[in-house]
Amino acid sequence: MKNRAKCKVCSTIIESFHVNDHVSCNCGEIAIDGGPGEFRCYAKSFDNFLRVDDEGNEIVVTVKEKEEKPNKKELLDMLQEMIIRIEGLPPAAMLTPISHYDFYAGLILLKSILSHEDK
């Protein structure tokens, strides 16, 4: 199935074609990412998000909120994954500046790990 979605607010149909193809609708209410292999989706309100199948049928999505927070091991695994991805960058990429979003995400993860209470 293609990675397509429709925004109920602006009626835009969007499609992500490959892993790093992040696409938003015209009004910015919804977005998708990941191409046909990964169906990542984002929305300000999932009430305005519809999946669109290969035949053009609109599918109402069911959103399940994750209630539990990650444990310390999962947080450390996330940090290790970030390190591995950075280490895998080509040498030229290692010399380019990072965005504040990248730095912010790392700081949030590090804060979560350091402030995590073992239960």
PDB file of N, CA and C in Angstrom:
ATOM      1  N   MET A   1       0.836  -1.175   0.000  1.00  0.00           N
ATOM      2  CA  MET A   1       0.000   0.000   0.000  1.00  0.00           C
ATOM      3  C   MET A   1       0.884   1.243   0.000  1.00  0.00           C
ATOM      4  N   LYS A   2       0.458   2.250  -0.732  1.00  0.00           N
ATOM      5  CA  LYS A   2       1.190   3.509  -0.785  1.00  0.00           C
ATOM      6  C   LYS A   2       1.003   4.262   0.530  1.00  0.00           C
ATOM      7  N   ASN A   3       1.963   5.098   0.846  1.00  0.00           N
ATOM      8  CA  ASN A   3       1.898   5.912   2.058  1.00  0.00           C
ATOM      9  C   ASN A   3       1.232   7.242   1.694  1.00  0.00           C
ATOM     10  N   ARG A   4      -0.110   7.226   1.735  1.00  0.00           N
ATOM     11  CA  ARG A   4      -0.882   8.417   1.376  1.00  0.00           C
ATOM     12  C   ARG A   4      -1.862   8.768   2.479  1.00  0.00           C
ATOM     13  N   ALA A   5      -2.168  10.064   2.559  1.00  0.00           N
ATOM     14  CA  ALA A   5      -3.125  10.539   3.552  1.00  0.00           C
ATOM     15  C   ALA A   5      -3.853  11.750   2.996  1.00  0.00           C
ATOM     16  N   LYS A   6      -5.003  12.038   3.611  1.00  0.00           N
ATOM     17  CA  LYS A   6      -5.803  13.192   3.215  1.00  0.00           C
ATOM     18  C   LYS A   6      -6.114  14.025   4.447  1.00  0.00           C
ATOM     19  N   CYS A   7      -6.004  15.329   4.290  1.00  0.00           N
ATOM     20  CA  CYS A   7      -6.326  16.261   5.356  1.00  0.00           C
ATOM     21  C   CYS A   7      -7.795  16.660   5.236  1.00  0.00           C
ATOM     22  N   LYS A   8      -8.543  16.510   6.319  1.00  0.00           N
ATOM     23  CA  LYS A   8      -9.953  16.906   6.314  1.00  0.00           C
ATOM     24  C   LYS A   8     -10.121  18.421   6.321  1.00  0.00           C
ATOM     25  N   VAL A   9      -9.102  19.146   6.763  1.00  0.00           N
ATOM     26  CA  VAL A   9      -9.195  20.606   6.841  1.00  0.00           C
ATOM     27  C   VAL A   9      -9.063  21.242   5.456  1.00  0.00           C
ATOM     28  N   CYS A  10      -7.979  20.895   4.732  1.00  0.00           N
ATOM     29  CA  CYS A  10      -7.730  21.534   3.428  1.00  0.00           C
ATOM     30  C   CYS A  10      -7.983  20.602   2.247  1.00  0.00           C
ATOM     31  N   SER A  11      -8.364  19.348   2.503  1.00  0.00           N
ATOM     32  CA  SER A  11      -8.670  18.337   1.477  1.00  0.00           C
ATOM     33  C   SER A  11      -7.477  17.944   0.613  1.00  0.00           C
ATOM     34  N   THR A  12      -6.272  18.276   1.042  1.00  0.00           N
ATOM     35  CA  THR A  12      -5.069  17.910   0.298  1.00  0.00           C
ATOM     36  C   THR A  12      -4.758  16.432   0.500  1.00  0.00           C
ATOM     37  N   ILE A  13      -4.432  15.730  -0.587  1.00  0.00           N
ATOM     38  CA  ILE A  13      -3.953  14.349  -0.499  1.00  0.00           C
ATOM     39  C   ILE A  13      -2.441  14.401  -0.669  1.00  0.00           C
ATOM     40  N   ILE A  14      -1.732  13.813   0.291  1.00  0.00           N
ATOM     41  CA  ILE A  14      -0.272  13.813   0.263  1.00  0.00           C
ATOM     42  C   ILE A  14       0.238  12.382   0.174  1.00  0.00           C
ATOM     43  N   GLU A  15       1.463  12.230  -0.369  1.00  0.00           N
ATOM     44  CA  GLU A  15       2.061  10.901  -0.502  1.00  0.00           C
ATOM     45  C   GLU A  15       3.556  10.999  -0.247  1.00  0.00           C
ATOM     46  N   SER A  16       4.083  10.047   0.531  1.00  0.00           N
ATOM     47  CA  SER A  16       5.509   9.953   0.797  1.00  0.00           C
ATOM     48  C   SER A  16       6.069   8.819  -0.060  1.00  0.00           C
ATOM     49  N   PHE A  17       7.100   9.124  -0.851  1.00  0.00           N
ATOM     50  CA  PHE A  17       7.603   8.166  -1.825  1.00  0.00           C
ATOM     51  C   PHE A  17       8.834   7.382  -1.363  1.00  0.00           C
ATOM     52  N   HIS A  18       9.591   7.899  -0.387  1.00  0.00           N
ATOM     53  CA  HIS A  18      10.773   7.185   0.085  1.00  0.00           C
ATOM     54  C   HIS A  18      11.015   7.487   1.557  1.00  0.00           C
ATOM     55  N   VAL A  19      11.962   6.813   2.161  1.00  0.00           N
ATOM     56  CA  VAL A  19      12.184   6.841   3.606  1.00  0.00           C
ATOM     57  C   VAL A  19      12.314   8.260   4.162  1.00  0.00           C
ATOM     58  N   ASN A  20      13.041   9.124   3.495  1.00  0.00           N
ATOM     59  CA  ASN A  20      13.277  10.475   4.007  1.00  0.00           C
ATOM     60  C   ASN A  20      12.378  11.521   3.358  1.00  0.00           C
ATOM     61  N   ASP A  21      11.252  11.105   2.840  1.00  0.00           N
ATOM     62  CA  ASP A  21      10.332  12.010   2.149  1.00  0.00           C
ATOM     63  C   ASP A  21       9.229  12.453   3.112  1.00  0.00           C
ATOM     64  N   HIS A  22       9.480  13.556   3.830  1.00  0.00           N
ATOM     65  CA  HIS A  22       8.511  14.107   4.780  1.00  0.00           C
ATOM     66  C   HIS A  22       7.617  15.084   4.017  1.00  0.00           C
ATOM     67  N   VAL A  23       6.309  14.818   4.033  1.00  0.00           N
ATOM     68  CA  VAL A  23       5.364  15.625   3.264  1.00  0.00           C
ATOM     69  C   VAL A  23       4.261  16.132   4.191  1.00  0.00           C
ATOM     70  N   SER A  24       3.948  17.422   4.080  1.00  0.00           N
ATOM     71  CA  SER A  24       2.852  18.023   4.849  1.00  0.00           C
ATOM     72  C   SER A  24       1.756  18.471   3.899  1.00  0.00           C
ATOM     73  N   CYS A  25       0.544  18.569   4.426  1.00  0.00           N
ATOM     74  CA  CYS A  25      -0.560  19.090   3.620  1.00  0.00           C
ATOM     75  C   CYS A  25      -0.407  20.609   3.486  1.00  0.00           C
ATOM     76  N   ASN A  26      -1.251  21.218   2.669  1.00  0.00           N
ATOM     77  CA  ASN A  26      -1.152  22.656   2.408  1.00  0.00           C
ATOM     78  C   ASN A  26      -1.318  23.516   3.650  1.00  0.00           C
ATOM     79  N   CYS A  27      -2.176  23.105   4.575  1.00  0.00           N
ATOM     80  CA  CYS A  27      -2.435  23.927   5.762  1.00  0.00           C
ATOM     81  C   CYS A  27      -1.547  23.542   6.948  1.00  0.00           C
ATOM     82  N   GLY A  28      -0.762  22.462   6.824  1.00  0.00           N
ATOM     83  CA  GLY A  28       0.136  22.049   7.895  1.00  0.00           C
ATOM     84  C   GLY A  28      -0.525  21.250   9.004  1.00  0.00           C
ATOM     85  N   GLU A  29      -1.760  20.828   8.810  1.00  0.00           N
ATOM     86  CA  GLU A  29      -2.494  20.065   9.827  1.00  0.00           C
ATOM     87  C   GLU A  29      -1.966  18.641   9.971  1.00  0.00           C
ATOM     88  N   ILE A  30      -1.603  17.999   8.843  1.00  0.00           N
ATOM     89  CA  ILE A  30      -1.126  16.611   8.868  1.00  0.00           C
ATOM     90  C   ILE A  30       0.182  16.492   8.087  1.00  0.00           C
ATOM     91  N   ALA A  31       0.903  15.403   8.354  1.00  0.00           N
ATOM     92  CA  ALA A  31       2.134  15.109   7.616  1.00  0.00           C
ATOM     93  C   ALA A  31       2.365  13.603   7.655  1.00  0.00           C
ATOM     94  N   ILE A  32       3.108  13.102   6.677  1.00  0.00           N
ATOM     95  CA  ILE A  32       3.495  11.698   6.634  1.00  0.00           C
ATOM     96  C   ILE A  32       4.962  11.611   6.259  1.00  0.00           C
ATOM     97  N   ASP A  33       5.539  10.440   6.504  1.00  0.00           N
ATOM     98  CA  ASP A  33       6.958  10.241   6.281  1.00  0.00           C
ATOM     99  C   ASP A  33       7.216   8.750   6.135  1.00  0.00           C
ATOM    100  N   GLY A  34       8.322   8.386   5.520  1.00  0.00           N
ATOM    101  CA  GLY A  34       8.754   6.996   5.516  1.00  0.00           C
ATOM    102  C   GLY A  34       8.538   6.222   4.242  1.00  0.00           C
ATOM    103  N   GLY A  35       7.873   6.824   3.251  1.00  0.00           N
ATOM    104  CA  GLY A  35       7.645   6.104   2.006  1.00  0.00           C
ATOM    105  C   GLY A  35       6.738   4.895   2.203  1.00  0.00           C
ATOM    106  N   PRO A  36       6.707   3.992   1.203  1.00  0.00           N
ATOM    107  CA  PRO A  36       5.808   2.839   1.293  1.00  0.00           C
ATOM    108  C   PRO A  36       6.247   1.783   2.309  1.00  0.00           C
ATOM    109  N   GLY A  37       7.460   1.872   2.833  1.00  0.00           N
ATOM    110  CA  GLY A  37       7.934   0.875   3.783  1.00  0.00           C
ATOM    111  C   GLY A  37       7.612   1.195   5.232  1.00  0.00           C
ATOM    112  N   GLU A  38       7.509   2.463   5.545  1.00  0.00           N
ATOM    113  CA  GLU A  38       7.233   2.887   6.920  1.00  0.00           C
ATOM    114  C   GLU A  38       6.128   3.933   6.869  1.00  0.00           C
ATOM    115  N   PHE A  39       5.105   3.736   7.633  1.00  0.00           N
ATOM    116  CA  PHE A  39       3.932   4.606   7.580  1.00  0.00           C
ATOM    117  C   PHE A  39       3.899   5.558   8.773  1.00  0.00           C
ATOM    118  N   ARG A  40       4.914   6.395   8.914  1.00  0.00           N
ATOM    119  CA  ARG A  40       4.908   7.363   9.998  1.00  0.00           C
ATOM    120  C   ARG A  40       3.938   8.491   9.649  1.00  0.00           C
ATOM    121  N   CYS A  41       3.186   8.924  10.642  1.00  0.00           N
ATOM    122  CA  CYS A  41       2.228   9.998  10.397  1.00  0.00           C
ATOM    123  C   CYS A  41       2.183  10.941  11.586  1.00  0.00           C
ATOM    124  N   TYR A  42       1.817  12.177  11.304  1.00  0.00           N
ATOM    125  CA  TYR A  42       1.792  13.239  12.293  1.00  0.00           C
ATOM    126  C   TYR A  42       0.544  14.076  12.049  1.00  0.00           C
ATOM    127  N   ALA A  43      -0.012  14.623  13.107  1.00  0.00           N
ATOM    128  CA  ALA A  43      -1.182  15.485  12.953  1.00  0.00           C
ATOM    129  C   ALA A  43      -1.342  16.359  14.181  1.00  0.00           C
ATOM    130  N   LYS A  44      -1.796  17.562  13.958  1.00  0.00           N
ATOM    131  CA  LYS A  44      -2.148  18.412  15.095  1.00  0.00           C
ATOM    132  C   LYS A  44      -3.348  17.795  15.800  1.00  0.00           C
ATOM    133  N   SER A  45      -4.283  17.291  15.008  1.00  0.00           N
ATOM    134  CA  SER A  45      -5.423  16.539  15.533  1.00  0.00           C
ATOM    135  C   SER A  45      -5.704  15.390  14.576  1.00  0.00           C
ATOM    136  N   PHE A  46      -5.646  14.160  15.088  1.00  0.00           N
ATOM    137  CA  PHE A  46      -5.876  13.003  14.217  1.00  0.00           C
ATOM    138  C   PHE A  46      -7.337  12.889  13.791  1.00  0.00           C
ATOM    139  N   ASP A  47      -8.203  13.727  14.315  1.00  0.00           N
ATOM    140  CA  ASP A  47      -9.584  13.788  13.819  1.00  0.00           C
ATOM    141  C   ASP A  47      -9.607  14.300  12.379  1.00  0.00           C
ATOM    142  N   ASN A  48      -8.549  14.991  11.976  1.00  0.00           N
ATOM    143  CA  ASN A  48      -8.455  15.562  10.627  1.00  0.00           C
ATOM    144  C   ASN A  48      -7.579  14.744   9.696  1.00  0.00           C
ATOM    145  N   PHE A  49      -7.231  13.516  10.075  1.00  0.00           N
ATOM    146  CA  PHE A  49      -6.310  12.663   9.318  1.00  0.00           C
ATOM    147  C   PHE A  49      -7.048  11.456   8.755  1.00  0.00           C
ATOM    148  N   LEU A  50      -6.916  11.235   7.462  1.00  0.00           N
ATOM    149  CA  LEU A  50      -7.467  10.045   6.805  1.00  0.00           C
ATOM    150  C   LEU A  50      -6.358   9.360   6.022  1.00  0.00           C
ATOM    151  N   ARG A  51      -6.292   8.047   6.070  1.00  0.00           N
ATOM    152  CA  ARG A  51      -5.403   7.293   5.183  1.00  0.00           C
ATOM    153  C   ARG A  51      -6.117   7.138   3.854  1.00  0.00           C
ATOM    154  N   VAL A  52      -5.342   7.067   2.769  1.00  0.00           N
ATOM    155  CA  VAL A  52      -5.911   6.853   1.436  1.00  0.00           C
ATOM    156  C   VAL A  52      -5.244   5.612   0.860  1.00  0.00           C
ATOM    157  N   ASP A  53      -6.048   4.570   0.553  1.00  0.00           N
ATOM    158  CA  ASP A  53      -5.468   3.333   0.033  1.00  0.00           C
ATOM    159  C   ASP A  53      -5.178   3.455  -1.462  1.00  0.00           C
ATOM    160  N   ASP A  54      -4.660   2.375  -2.053  1.00  0.00           N
ATOM    161  CA  ASP A  54      -4.247   2.395  -3.460  1.00  0.00           C
ATOM    162  C   ASP A  54      -5.397   2.624  -4.427  1.00  0.00           C
ATOM    163  N   GLU A  55      -6.621   2.327  -4.006  1.00  0.00           N
ATOM    164  CA  GLU A  55      -7.794   2.537  -4.862  1.00  0.00           C
ATOM    165  C   GLU A  55      -8.426   3.909  -4.631  1.00  0.00           C
ATOM    166  N   GLY A  56      -7.855   4.699  -3.730  1.00  0.00           N
ATOM    167  CA  GLY A  56      -8.390   6.030  -3.453  1.00  0.00           C
ATOM    168  C   GLY A  56      -9.430   6.073  -2.352  1.00  0.00           C
ATOM    169  N   ASN A  57      -9.668   4.933  -1.687  1.00  0.00           N
ATOM    170  CA  ASN A  57     -10.626   4.901  -0.584  1.00  0.00           C
ATOM    171  C   ASN A  57     -10.048   5.592   0.636  1.00  0.00           C
ATOM    172  N   GLU A  58     -10.879   6.373   1.315  1.00  0.00           N
ATOM    173  CA  GLU A  58     -10.456   7.061   2.529  1.00  0.00           C
ATOM    174  C   GLU A  58     -10.707   6.157   3.730  1.00  0.00           C
ATOM    175  N   ILE A  59      -9.701   6.018   4.575  1.00  0.00           N
ATOM    176  CA  ILE A  59      -9.774   5.132   5.734  1.00  0.00           C
ATOM    177  C   ILE A  59      -9.596   5.968   7.003  1.00  0.00           C
ATOM    178  N   VAL A  60     -10.562   5.893   7.886  1.00  0.00           N
ATOM    179  CA  VAL A  60     -10.460   6.588   9.172  1.00  0.00           C
ATOM    180  C   VAL A  60      -9.478   5.822  10.045  1.00  0.00           C
ATOM    181  N   VAL A  61      -8.523   6.530  10.630  1.00  0.00           N
ATOM    182  CA  VAL A  61      -7.508   5.872  11.454  1.00  0.00           C
ATOM    183  C   VAL A  61      -7.943   5.832  12.914  1.00  0.00           C
ATOM    184  N   THR A  62      -7.447   4.825  13.605  1.00  0.00           N
ATOM    185  CA  THR A  62      -7.663   4.707  15.045  1.00  0.00           C
ATOM    186  C   THR A  62      -6.334   4.999  15.715  1.00  0.00           C
ATOM    187  N   VAL A  63      -6.326   5.966  16.585  1.00  0.00           N
ATOM    188  CA  VAL A  63      -5.091   6.357  17.257  1.00  0.00           C
ATOM    189  C   VAL A  63      -5.068   5.742  18.649  1.00  0.00           C
ATOM    190  N   LYS A  64      -3.998   5.030  18.924  1.00  0.00           N
ATOM    191  CA  LYS A  64      -3.804   4.451  20.249  1.00  0.00           C
ATOM    192  C   LYS A  64      -2.658   5.193  20.908  1.00  0.00           C
ATOM    193  N   GLU A  65      -2.972   5.870  21.983  1.00  0.00           N
ATOM    194  CA  GLU A  65      -1.955   6.621  22.710  1.00  0.00           C
ATOM    195  C   GLU A  65      -1.120   5.672  23.548  1.00  0.00           C
ATOM    196  N   LYS A  66       0.173   5.857  23.516  1.00  0.00           N
ATOM    197  CA  LYS A  66       1.066   5.068  24.351  1.00  0.00           C
ATOM    198  C   LYS A  66       1.058   5.704  25.735  1.00  0.00           C
ATOM    199  N   GLU A  67       0.602   4.959  26.704  1.00  0.00           N
ATOM    200  CA  GLU A  67       0.428   5.496  28.043  1.00  0.00           C
ATOM    201  C   GLU A  67       1.693   5.424  28.888  1.00  0.00           C
ATOM    202  N   GLU A  68       2.475   4.394  28.703  1.00  0.00           N
ATOM    203  CA  GLU A  68       3.632   4.238  29.568  1.00  0.00           C
ATOM    204  C   GLU A  68       4.846   4.955  28.977  1.00  0.00           C
ATOM    205  N   LYS A  69       5.653   5.474  29.870  1.00  0.00           N
ATOM    206  CA  LYS A  69       6.878   6.146  29.461  1.00  0.00           C
ATOM    207  C   LYS A  69       7.972   5.093  29.294  1.00  0.00           C
ATOM    208  N   PRO A  70       8.960   5.379  28.441  1.00  0.00           N
ATOM    209  CA  PRO A  70      10.043   4.404  28.272  1.00  0.00           C
ATOM    210  C   PRO A  70      10.842   4.254  29.569  1.00  0.00           C
ATOM    211  N   ASN A  71      11.333   3.039  29.802  1.00  0.00           N
ATOM    212  CA  ASN A  71      12.165   2.818  30.985  1.00  0.00           C
ATOM    213  C   ASN A  71      13.596   3.283  30.695  1.00  0.00           C
ATOM    214  N   LYS A  72      14.441   3.242  31.717  1.00  0.00           N
ATOM    215  CA  LYS A  72      15.798   3.765  31.566  1.00  0.00           C
ATOM    216  C   LYS A  72      16.581   3.019  30.485  1.00  0.00           C
ATOM    217  N   LYS A  73      16.417   1.695  30.407  1.00  0.00           N
ATOM    218  CA  LYS A  73      17.114   0.925  29.379  1.00  0.00           C
ATOM    219  C   LYS A  73      16.685   1.373  27.983  1.00  0.00           C
ATOM    220  N   GLU A  74      15.376   1.581  27.780  1.00  0.00           N
ATOM    221  CA  GLU A  74      14.880   2.040  26.477  1.00  0.00           C
ATOM    222  C   GLU A  74      15.420   3.425  26.145  1.00  0.00           C
ATOM    223  N   LEU A  75      15.501   4.305  27.142  1.00  0.00           N
ATOM    224  CA  LEU A  75      16.058   5.640  26.914  1.00  0.00           C
ATOM    225  C   LEU A  75      17.539   5.557  26.537  1.00  0.00           C
ATOM    226  N   LEU A  76      18.281   4.705  27.238  1.00  0.00           N
ATOM    227  CA  LEU A  76      19.698   4.530  26.907  1.00  0.00           C
ATOM    228  C   LEU A  76      19.864   3.913  25.525  1.00  0.00           C
ATOM    229  N   ASP A  77      18.975   2.997  25.151  1.00  0.00           N
ATOM    230  CA  ASP A  77      19.004   2.415  23.807  1.00  0.00           C
ATOM    231  C   ASP A  77      18.767   3.481  22.742  1.00  0.00           C
ATOM    232  N   MET A  78      17.843   4.416  23.025  1.00  0.00           N
ATOM    233  CA  MET A  78      17.588   5.517  22.082  1.00  0.00           C
ATOM    234  C   MET A  78      18.839   6.382  21.916  1.00  0.00           C
ATOM    235  N   LEU A  79      19.502   6.674  23.026  1.00  0.00           N
ATOM    236  CA  LEU A  79      20.732   7.458  22.982  1.00  0.00           C
ATOM    237  C   LEU A  79      21.810   6.722  22.195  1.00  0.00           C
ATOM    238  N   GLN A  80      21.946   5.424  22.428  1.00  0.00           N
ATOM    239  CA  GLN A  80      22.924   4.622  21.692  1.00  0.00           C
ATOM    240  C   GLN A  80      22.611   4.619  20.195  1.00  0.00           C
ATOM    241  N   GLU A  81      21.333   4.544  19.840  1.00  0.00           N
ATOM    242  CA  GLU A  81      20.935   4.582  18.425  1.00  0.00           C
ATOM    243  C   GLU A  81      21.317   5.921  17.784  1.00  0.00           C
ATOM    244  N   MET A  82      21.132   7.017  18.522  1.00  0.00           N
ATOM    245  CA  MET A  82      21.543   8.331  18.006  1.00  0.00           C
ATOM    246  C   MET A  82      23.049   8.355  17.758  1.00  0.00           C
ATOM    247  N   ILE A  83      23.816   7.808  18.705  1.00  0.00           N
ATOM    248  CA  ILE A  83      25.280   7.775  18.577  1.00  0.00           C
ATOM    249  C   ILE A  83      25.692   6.953  17.357  1.00  0.00           C
ATOM    250  N   ILE A  84      25.086   5.785  17.181  1.00  0.00           N
ATOM    251  CA  ILE A  84      25.409   4.910  16.048  1.00  0.00           C
ATOM    252  C   ILE A  84      25.103   5.608  14.725  1.00  0.00           C
ATOM    253  N   ARG A  85      23.951   6.281  14.654  1.00  0.00           N
ATOM    254  CA  ARG A  85      23.595   6.984  13.411  1.00  0.00           C
ATOM    255  C   ARG A  85      24.579   8.107  13.103  1.00  0.00           C
ATOM    256  N   ILE A  86      25.004   8.828  14.128  1.00  0.00           N
ATOM    257  CA  ILE A  86      25.969   9.910  13.909  1.00  0.00           C
ATOM    258  C   ILE A  86      27.312   9.343  13.485  1.00  0.00           C
ATOM    259  N   GLU A  87      27.748   8.264  14.135  1.00  0.00           N
ATOM    260  CA  GLU A  87      29.023   7.629  13.776  1.00  0.00           C
ATOM    261  C   GLU A  87      29.007   7.094  12.347  1.00  0.00           C
ATOM    262  N   GLY A  88      27.823   6.751  11.831  1.00  0.00           N
ATOM    263  CA  GLY A  88      27.701   6.215  10.480  1.00  0.00           C
ATOM    264  C   GLY A  88      27.663   7.272   9.388  1.00  0.00           C
ATOM    265  N   LEU A  89      27.687   8.525   9.775  1.00  0.00           N
ATOM    266  CA  LEU A  89      27.656   9.590   8.772  1.00  0.00           C
ATOM    267  C   LEU A  89      28.979   9.655   8.018  1.00  0.00           C
ATOM    268  N   PRO A  90      28.950  10.080   6.757  1.00  0.00           N
ATOM    269  CA  PRO A  90      30.200  10.236   6.013  1.00  0.00           C
ATOM    270  C   PRO A  90      31.028  11.372   6.628  1.00  0.00           C
ATOM    271  N   PRO A  91      32.352  11.358   6.419  1.00  0.00           N
ATOM    272  CA  PRO A  91      33.222  12.375   7.019  1.00  0.00           C
ATOM    273  C   PRO A  91      32.777  13.819   6.727  1.00  0.00           C
ATOM    274  N   ALA A  92      32.311  14.077   5.522  1.00  0.00           N
ATOM    275  CA  ALA A  92      31.883  15.443   5.182  1.00  0.00           C
ATOM    276  C   ALA A  92      30.689  15.874   6.022  1.00  0.00           C
ATOM    277  N   ALA A  93      29.798  14.938   6.303  1.00  0.00           N
ATOM    278  CA  ALA A  93      28.622  15.265   7.114  1.00  0.00           C
ATOM    279  C   ALA A  93      29.010  15.535   8.558  1.00  0.00           C
ATOM    280  N   MET A  94      30.079  14.915   9.015  1.00  0.00           N
ATOM    281  CA  MET A  94      30.520  15.131  10.394  1.00  0.00           C
ATOM    282  C   MET A  94      31.034  16.553  10.597  1.00  0.00           C
ATOM    283  N   LEU A  95      31.377  17.236   9.504  1.00  0.00           N
ATOM    284  CA  LEU A  95      31.900  18.598   9.602  1.00  0.00           C
ATOM    285  C   LEU A  95      30.825  19.664   9.433  1.00  0.00           C
ATOM    286  N   THR A  96      29.612  19.255   9.109  1.00  0.00           N
ATOM    287  CA  THR A  96      28.538  20.233   8.922  1.00  0.00           C
ATOM    288  C   THR A  96      27.878  20.540  10.263  1.00  0.00           C
ATOM    289  N   PRO A  97      27.388  21.771  10.406  1.00  0.00           N
ATOM    290  CA  PRO A  97      26.730  22.115  11.675  1.00  0.00           C
ATOM    291  C   PRO A  97      25.392  21.396  11.818  1.00  0.00           C
ATOM    292  N   ILE A  98      25.005  21.161  13.065  1.00  0.00           N
ATOM    293  CA  ILE A  98      23.702  20.558  13.325  1.00  0.00           C
ATOM    294  C   ILE A  98      22.686  21.666  13.555  1.00  0.00           C
ATOM    295  N   SER A  99      21.438  21.344  13.391  1.00  0.00           N
ATOM    296  CA  SER A  99      20.403  22.348  13.656  1.00  0.00           C
ATOM    297  C   SER A  99      20.092  22.374  15.145  1.00  0.00           C
ATOM    298  N   HIS A 100      19.450  23.414  15.564  1.00  0.00           N
ATOM    299  CA  HIS A 100      19.037  23.493  16.962  1.00  0.00           C
ATOM    300  C   HIS A 100      18.006  22.416  17.287  1.00  0.00           C
ATOM    301  N   TYR A 101      17.218  21.981  16.289  1.00  0.00           N
ATOM    302  CA  TYR A 101      16.270  20.893  16.510  1.00  0.00           C
ATOM    303  C   TYR A 101      17.003  19.593  16.855  1.00  0.00           C
ATOM    304  N   ASP A 102      18.095  19.326  16.131  1.00  0.00           N
ATOM    305  CA  ASP A 102      18.886  18.136  16.417  1.00  0.00           C
ATOM    306  C   ASP A 102      19.457  18.200  17.836  1.00  0.00           C
ATOM    307  N   PHE A 103      20.034  19.337  18.171  1.00  0.00           N
ATOM    308  CA  PHE A 103      20.632  19.521  19.489  1.00  0.00           C
ATOM    309  C   PHE A 103      19.566  19.427  20.583  1.00  0.00           C
ATOM    310  N   TYR A 104      18.422  20.037  20.344  1.00  0.00           N
ATOM    311  CA  TYR A 104      17.306  20.035  21.288  1.00  0.00           C
ATOM    312  C   TYR A 104      16.821  18.602  21.546  1.00  0.00           C
ATOM    313  N   ALA A 105      16.683  17.804  20.481  1.00  0.00           N
ATOM    314  CA  ALA A 105      16.232  16.417  20.627  1.00  0.00           C
ATOM    315  C   ALA A 105      17.216  15.624  21.485  1.00  0.00           C
ATOM    316  N   GLY A 106      18.499  15.819  21.266  1.00  0.00           N
ATOM    317  CA  GLY A 106      19.506  15.139  22.068  1.00  0.00           C
ATOM    318  C   GLY A 106      19.455  15.550  23.530  1.00  0.00           C
ATOM    319  N   LEU A 107      19.262  16.838  23.768  1.00  0.00           N
ATOM    320  CA  LEU A 107      19.180  17.321  25.148  1.00  0.00           C
ATOM    321  C   LEU A 107      17.942  16.796  25.869  1.00  0.00           C
ATOM    322  N   ILE A 108      16.820  16.721  25.162  1.00  0.00           N
ATOM    323  CA  ILE A 108      15.597  16.179  25.774  1.00  0.00           C
ATOM    324  C   ILE A 108      15.808  14.721  26.171  1.00  0.00           C
ATOM    325  N   LEU A 109      16.415  13.950  25.275  1.00  0.00           N
ATOM    326  CA  LEU A 109      16.669  12.541  25.574  1.00  0.00           C
ATOM    327  C   LEU A 109      17.627  12.411  26.755  1.00  0.00           C
ATOM    328  N   LEU A 110      18.685  13.198  26.765  1.00  0.00           N
ATOM    329  CA  LEU A 110      19.650  13.140  27.861  1.00  0.00           C
ATOM    330  C   LEU A 110      18.995  13.537  29.187  1.00  0.00           C
ATOM    331  N   LYS A 111      18.168  14.568  29.181  1.00  0.00           N
ATOM    332  CA  LYS A 111      17.443  14.988  30.392  1.00  0.00           C
ATOM    333  C   LYS A 111      16.531  13.869  30.877  1.00  0.00           C
ATOM    334  N   SER A 112      15.842  13.204  29.947  1.00  0.00           N
ATOM    335  CA  SER A 112      14.940  12.099  30.314  1.00  0.00           C
ATOM    336  C   SER A 112      15.704  10.967  31.002  1.00  0.00           C
ATOM    337  N   ILE A 113      16.870  10.668  30.482  1.00  0.00           N
ATOM    338  CA  ILE A 113      17.689   9.593  31.060  1.00  0.00           C
ATOM    339  C   ILE A 113      18.158   9.978  32.462  1.00  0.00           C
ATOM    340  N   LEU A 114      18.666  11.195  32.588  1.00  0.00           N
ATOM    341  CA  LEU A 114      19.222  11.619  33.874  1.00  0.00           C
ATOM    342  C   LEU A 114      18.160  11.827  34.941  1.00  0.00           C
ATOM    343  N   SER A 115      16.954  12.178  34.535  1.00  0.00           N
ATOM    344  CA  SER A 115      15.905  12.420  35.521  1.00  0.00           C
ATOM    345  C   SER A 115      15.008  11.198  35.746  1.00  0.00           C
ATOM    346  N   HIS A 116      15.292  10.106  35.049  1.00  0.00           N
ATOM    347  CA  HIS A 116      14.489   8.889  35.164  1.00  0.00           C
ATOM    348  C   HIS A 116      14.676   8.247  36.538  1.00  0.00           C
ATOM    349  N   GLU A 117      13.583   7.873  37.148  1.00  0.00           N
ATOM    350  CA  GLU A 117      13.638   7.183  38.435  1.00  0.00           C
ATOM    351  C   GLU A 117      13.415   5.686  38.210  1.00  0.00           C
ATOM    352  N   ASP A 118      14.307   4.876  38.703  1.00  0.00           N
ATOM    353  CA  ASP A 118      14.123   3.422  38.610  1.00  0.00           C
ATOM    354  C   ASP A 118      13.047   2.999  39.594  1.00  0.00           C
ATOM    355  N   LYS A 119      12.140   2.147  39.114  1.00  0.00           N
ATOM    356  CA  LYS A 119      11.043   1.675  39.968  1.00  0.00           C
ATOM    357  C   LYS A 119      11.154   0.217  40.208  1.00  0.00           C
TER     358      LYS A 119
END
